Amino acid sequence: MAHLPFHDEHAPLYSLGQVAEMLQVQQAYLRRLDQHDVVSPSRTTGGQRRYSQRDIMTVQHVTRMADQGMTLTAIRRILELERELAELRTELDTARARLAELE
């Protein structure tokens, strides 16, 4: 059976309007997140934003932080640090697995 795009959390399936409605936020808020490089959805050939499930989860995370009073600059940095931490954890897991093989 073929792998369908809606099973891929990175597939850009949702329009700006759909995401705004789903998350009950203003479309302008989503545009602002994109303009400030906080959440950058994919674009169609016509330039329309398309959000993946992963993008939507990130918007939810960002919205929670913004509701706590954090600025978009601070939020962008937190997201960067979270990505770096995830990469380092993966590297650590790989190194531990190699060490286990050597023992």
N, C-alpha and C. Protein backbone atom coordinates (compact mmCIF):
# COMPACT_ATOMS: atom_id res chain seq x y z
N MET A 1 0.84 -1.18 0.00
CA MET A 1 0.00 0.00 0.00
C MET A 1 0.89 1.25 0.00
N ALA A 2 0.52 2.23 -0.76
CA ALA A 2 1.29 3.47 -0.86
C ALA A 2 1.23 4.26 0.44
N HIS A 3 2.31 4.98 0.70
CA HIS A 3 2.38 5.84 1.89
C HIS A 3 1.62 7.14 1.57
N LEU A 4 0.56 7.39 2.31
CA LEU A 4 -0.26 8.56 2.05
C LEU A 4 0.30 9.77 2.79
N PRO A 5 0.19 10.97 2.20
CA PRO A 5 0.81 12.15 2.81
C PRO A 5 0.24 12.53 4.17
N PHE A 6 -1.03 12.18 4.46
CA PHE A 6 -1.58 12.58 5.74
C PHE A 6 -1.04 11.74 6.88
N HIS A 7 -0.24 10.71 6.57
CA HIS A 7 0.45 9.94 7.61
C HIS A 7 1.84 10.49 7.87
N ASP A 8 2.25 11.46 7.08
CA ASP A 8 3.56 12.09 7.21
C ASP A 8 3.40 13.41 7.96
N GLU A 9 3.95 13.51 9.16
CA GLU A 9 3.77 14.72 9.96
C GLU A 9 4.45 15.94 9.35
N HIS A 10 5.29 15.73 8.34
CA HIS A 10 5.97 16.85 7.69
C HIS A 10 5.33 17.24 6.35
N ALA A 11 4.29 16.54 5.94
CA ALA A 11 3.62 16.86 4.67
C ALA A 11 2.82 18.15 4.81
N PRO A 12 3.07 19.12 3.92
CA PRO A 12 2.36 20.41 4.00
C PRO A 12 0.95 20.31 3.44
N LEU A 13 -0.02 20.05 4.32
CA LEU A 13 -1.38 19.76 3.88
C LEU A 13 -2.41 20.83 4.20
N TYR A 14 -2.14 21.70 5.16
CA TYR A 14 -3.17 22.59 5.70
C TYR A 14 -2.92 24.05 5.32
N SER A 15 -3.98 24.73 4.92
CA SER A 15 -3.88 26.14 4.54
C SER A 15 -3.83 27.03 5.78
N LEU A 16 -3.48 28.26 5.57
CA LEU A 16 -3.44 29.25 6.65
C LEU A 16 -4.80 29.34 7.34
N GLY A 17 -5.87 29.42 6.57
CA GLY A 17 -7.21 29.53 7.12
C GLY A 17 -7.61 28.31 7.93
N GLN A 18 -7.25 27.12 7.43
CA GLN A 18 -7.57 25.89 8.15
C GLN A 18 -6.86 25.85 9.50
N VAL A 19 -5.59 26.22 9.52
CA VAL A 19 -4.81 26.19 10.76
C VAL A 19 -5.34 27.23 11.74
N ALA A 20 -5.64 28.43 11.24
CA ALA A 20 -6.18 29.48 12.11
C ALA A 20 -7.48 29.01 12.75
N GLU A 21 -8.32 28.35 11.98
CA GLU A 21 -9.59 27.86 12.52
C GLU A 21 -9.37 26.72 13.52
N MET A 22 -8.48 25.80 13.17
CA MET A 22 -8.18 24.67 14.06
C MET A 22 -7.68 25.12 15.42
N LEU A 23 -6.77 26.10 15.40
CA LEU A 23 -6.12 26.54 16.64
C LEU A 23 -6.81 27.75 17.27
N GLN A 24 -7.84 28.25 16.60
CA GLN A 24 -8.58 29.42 17.07
C GLN A 24 -7.65 30.61 17.32
N VAL A 25 -6.85 30.90 16.28
CA VAL A 25 -5.98 32.07 16.29
C VAL A 25 -6.26 32.88 15.03
N GLN A 26 -5.81 34.10 15.04
CA GLN A 26 -5.99 34.97 13.87
C GLN A 26 -5.00 34.58 12.77
N GLN A 27 -5.43 34.72 11.52
CA GLN A 27 -4.53 34.46 10.40
C GLN A 27 -3.33 35.39 10.45
N ALA A 28 -3.55 36.62 10.90
CA ALA A 28 -2.45 37.59 11.01
C ALA A 28 -1.39 37.10 12.00
N TYR A 29 -1.82 36.42 13.04
CA TYR A 29 -0.87 35.86 14.03
C TYR A 29 0.03 34.83 13.35
N LEU A 30 -0.55 33.95 12.53
CA LEU A 30 0.25 32.94 11.82
C LEU A 30 1.20 33.59 10.84
N ARG A 31 0.73 34.63 10.15
CA ARG A 31 1.61 35.36 9.22
C ARG A 31 2.78 35.99 9.97
N ARG A 32 2.49 36.52 11.15
CA ARG A 32 3.53 37.17 11.96
C ARG A 32 4.58 36.16 12.41
N LEU A 33 4.14 34.96 12.79
CA LEU A 33 5.09 33.92 13.17
C LEU A 33 6.01 33.58 12.00
N ASP A 34 5.47 33.57 10.80
CA ASP A 34 6.26 33.30 9.60
C ASP A 34 7.21 34.46 9.32
N GLN A 35 6.74 35.68 9.41
CA GLN A 35 7.57 36.86 9.14
C GLN A 35 8.75 36.95 10.11
N HIS A 36 8.56 36.48 11.34
CA HIS A 36 9.62 36.53 12.35
C HIS A 36 10.43 35.23 12.41
N ASP A 37 10.25 34.37 11.40
CA ASP A 37 10.98 33.10 11.31
C ASP A 37 10.82 32.22 12.55
N VAL A 38 9.65 32.27 13.16
CA VAL A 38 9.37 31.42 14.31
C VAL A 38 8.80 30.10 13.82
N VAL A 39 7.82 30.14 12.94
CA VAL A 39 7.25 28.96 12.28
C VAL A 39 7.18 29.31 10.80
N SER A 40 7.92 28.57 9.99
CA SER A 40 7.98 28.85 8.56
C SER A 40 7.37 27.70 7.77
N PRO A 41 6.09 27.80 7.43
CA PRO A 41 5.45 26.73 6.67
C PRO A 41 5.96 26.68 5.24
N SER A 42 5.66 25.59 4.57
CA SER A 42 6.00 25.46 3.14
C SER A 42 5.14 26.42 2.34
N ARG A 43 5.51 26.62 1.10
CA ARG A 43 4.74 27.48 0.19
C ARG A 43 4.37 26.70 -1.06
N THR A 44 3.17 26.97 -1.56
CA THR A 44 2.77 26.40 -2.85
C THR A 44 3.48 27.17 -3.94
N THR A 45 3.36 26.72 -5.18
CA THR A 45 3.97 27.45 -6.29
C THR A 45 3.36 28.85 -6.42
N GLY A 46 2.13 29.00 -5.95
CA GLY A 46 1.46 30.31 -5.97
C GLY A 46 1.80 31.18 -4.76
N GLY A 47 2.62 30.65 -3.84
CA GLY A 47 3.05 31.42 -2.68
C GLY A 47 2.18 31.29 -1.45
N GLN A 48 1.16 30.43 -1.49
CA GLN A 48 0.30 30.25 -0.32
C GLN A 48 0.97 29.35 0.70
N ARG A 49 0.80 29.70 1.97
CA ARG A 49 1.38 28.91 3.06
C ARG A 49 0.64 27.59 3.20
N ARG A 50 1.41 26.53 3.45
CA ARG A 50 0.86 25.20 3.71
C ARG A 50 1.58 24.65 4.95
N TYR A 51 0.78 24.27 5.94
CA TYR A 51 1.31 23.81 7.22
C TYR A 51 1.24 22.30 7.32
N SER A 52 2.26 21.73 7.93
CA SER A 52 2.27 20.30 8.22
C SER A 52 1.75 20.09 9.65
N GLN A 53 1.53 18.84 10.00
CA GLN A 53 1.13 18.53 11.37
C GLN A 53 2.22 19.00 12.34
N ARG A 54 3.48 18.83 11.97
CA ARG A 54 4.60 19.27 12.81
C ARG A 54 4.56 20.79 12.99
N ASP A 55 4.28 21.53 11.91
CA ASP A 55 4.16 22.99 12.00
C ASP A 55 3.05 23.38 12.97
N ILE A 56 1.93 22.67 12.89
CA ILE A 56 0.78 22.98 13.74
C ILE A 56 1.12 22.74 15.21
N MET A 57 1.84 21.64 15.49
CA MET A 57 2.25 21.38 16.87
C MET A 57 3.21 22.47 17.37
N THR A 58 4.07 22.95 16.47
CA THR A 58 4.99 24.02 16.84
C THR A 58 4.24 25.30 17.13
N VAL A 59 3.24 25.63 16.30
CA VAL A 59 2.42 26.83 16.55
C VAL A 59 1.75 26.73 17.91
N GLN A 60 1.23 25.56 18.25
CA GLN A 60 0.62 25.38 19.57
C GLN A 60 1.63 25.64 20.69
N HIS A 61 2.83 25.12 20.54
CA HIS A 61 3.90 25.30 21.52
C HIS A 61 4.26 26.78 21.64
N VAL A 62 4.39 27.44 20.50
CA VAL A 62 4.72 28.87 20.46
C VAL A 62 3.62 29.69 21.13
N THR A 63 2.38 29.34 20.85
CA THR A 63 1.25 30.07 21.42
C THR A 63 1.23 29.96 22.94
N ARG A 64 1.54 28.78 23.45
CA ARG A 64 1.62 28.62 24.91
C ARG A 64 2.71 29.51 25.50
N MET A 65 3.87 29.56 24.84
CA MET A 65 4.95 30.41 25.34
C MET A 65 4.58 31.88 25.25
N ALA A 66 3.95 32.28 24.16
CA ALA A 66 3.53 33.67 24.00
C ALA A 66 2.50 34.05 25.05
N ASP A 67 1.61 33.12 25.37
CA ASP A 67 0.60 33.36 26.41
C ASP A 67 1.24 33.56 27.78
N GLN A 68 2.46 33.05 27.94
CA GLN A 68 3.19 33.22 29.20
C GLN A 68 4.00 34.50 29.20
N GLY A 69 3.89 35.28 28.13
CA GLY A 69 4.55 36.58 28.07
C GLY A 69 5.89 36.62 27.37
N MET A 70 6.28 35.55 26.71
CA MET A 70 7.57 35.53 26.02
C MET A 70 7.48 36.26 24.69
N THR A 71 8.55 36.91 24.31
CA THR A 71 8.60 37.62 23.03
C THR A 71 8.88 36.63 21.90
N LEU A 72 8.59 37.03 20.67
CA LEU A 72 8.87 36.15 19.53
C LEU A 72 10.36 35.89 19.38
N THR A 73 11.18 36.87 19.70
CA THR A 73 12.64 36.68 19.64
C THR A 73 13.07 35.61 20.63
N ALA A 74 12.55 35.67 21.85
CA ALA A 74 12.88 34.66 22.86
C ALA A 74 12.35 33.30 22.45
N ILE A 75 11.16 33.25 21.91
CA ILE A 75 10.56 31.99 21.49
C ILE A 75 11.38 31.36 20.37
N ARG A 76 11.79 32.17 19.40
CA ARG A 76 12.61 31.66 18.30
C ARG A 76 13.90 31.04 18.84
N ARG A 77 14.52 31.70 19.81
CA ARG A 77 15.76 31.18 20.40
C ARG A 77 15.50 29.87 21.16
N ILE A 78 14.40 29.82 21.89
CA ILE A 78 14.04 28.59 22.62
C ILE A 78 13.86 27.43 21.63
N LEU A 79 13.18 27.69 20.53
CA LEU A 79 12.98 26.64 19.53
C LEU A 79 14.31 26.17 18.96
N GLU A 80 15.22 27.11 18.70
CA GLU A 80 16.56 26.76 18.20
C GLU A 80 17.28 25.87 19.21
N LEU A 81 17.23 26.25 20.47
CA LEU A 81 17.89 25.47 21.51
C LEU A 81 17.26 24.09 21.67
N GLU A 82 15.94 24.01 21.55
CA GLU A 82 15.27 22.72 21.62
C GLU A 82 15.71 21.80 20.47
N ARG A 83 15.86 22.37 19.26
CA ARG A 83 16.33 21.58 18.12
C ARG A 83 17.77 21.10 18.34
N GLU A 84 18.62 22.00 18.83
CA GLU A 84 20.01 21.62 19.11
C GLU A 84 20.07 20.52 20.15
N LEU A 85 19.27 20.62 21.20
CA LEU A 85 19.24 19.61 22.24
C LEU A 85 18.81 18.26 21.68
N ALA A 86 17.80 18.26 20.83
CA ALA A 86 17.34 17.01 20.22
C ALA A 86 18.45 16.38 19.38
N GLU A 87 19.18 17.21 18.61
CA GLU A 87 20.29 16.69 17.80
C GLU A 87 21.39 16.12 18.69
N LEU A 88 21.72 16.81 19.76
CA LEU A 88 22.76 16.33 20.67
C LEU A 88 22.35 15.03 21.35
N ARG A 89 21.08 14.90 21.69
CA ARG A 89 20.60 13.66 22.30
C ARG A 89 20.72 12.50 21.32
N THR A 90 20.42 12.77 20.05
CA THR A 90 20.56 11.73 19.03
C THR A 90 22.03 11.32 18.89
N GLU A 91 22.92 12.31 18.85
CA GLU A 91 24.36 12.02 18.77
C GLU A 91 24.82 11.20 19.98
N LEU A 92 24.35 11.57 21.16
CA LEU A 92 24.72 10.86 22.37
C LEU A 92 24.23 9.42 22.32
N ASP A 93 23.00 9.21 21.88
CA ASP A 93 22.46 7.86 21.76
C ASP A 93 23.29 7.02 20.78
N THR A 94 23.70 7.63 19.67
CA THR A 94 24.52 6.94 18.68
C THR A 94 25.87 6.58 19.28
N ALA A 95 26.49 7.52 19.99
CA ALA A 95 27.79 7.25 20.62
C ALA A 95 27.68 6.14 21.66
N ARG A 96 26.61 6.16 22.44
CA ARG A 96 26.41 5.11 23.44
C ARG A 96 26.23 3.75 22.80
N ALA A 97 25.51 3.72 21.69
CA ALA A 97 25.31 2.45 20.97
C ALA A 97 26.64 1.93 20.43
N ARG A 98 27.49 2.81 19.92
CA ARG A 98 28.81 2.39 19.41
C ARG A 98 29.67 1.85 20.54
N LEU A 99 29.63 2.53 21.68
CA LEU A 99 30.39 2.06 22.83
C LEU A 99 29.92 0.70 23.30
N ALA A 100 28.61 0.51 23.29
CA ALA A 100 28.05 -0.79 23.70
C ALA A 100 28.52 -1.90 22.77
N GLU A 101 28.64 -1.59 21.48
CA GLU A 101 29.12 -2.58 20.51
C GLU A 101 30.57 -2.94 20.76
N LEU A 102 31.36 -2.01 21.23
CA LEU A 102 32.78 -2.24 21.47
C LEU A 102 33.04 -3.05 22.73
N GLU A 103 32.10 -3.05 23.63
CA GLU A 103 32.29 -3.75 24.91
C GLU A 103 32.11 -5.23 24.80
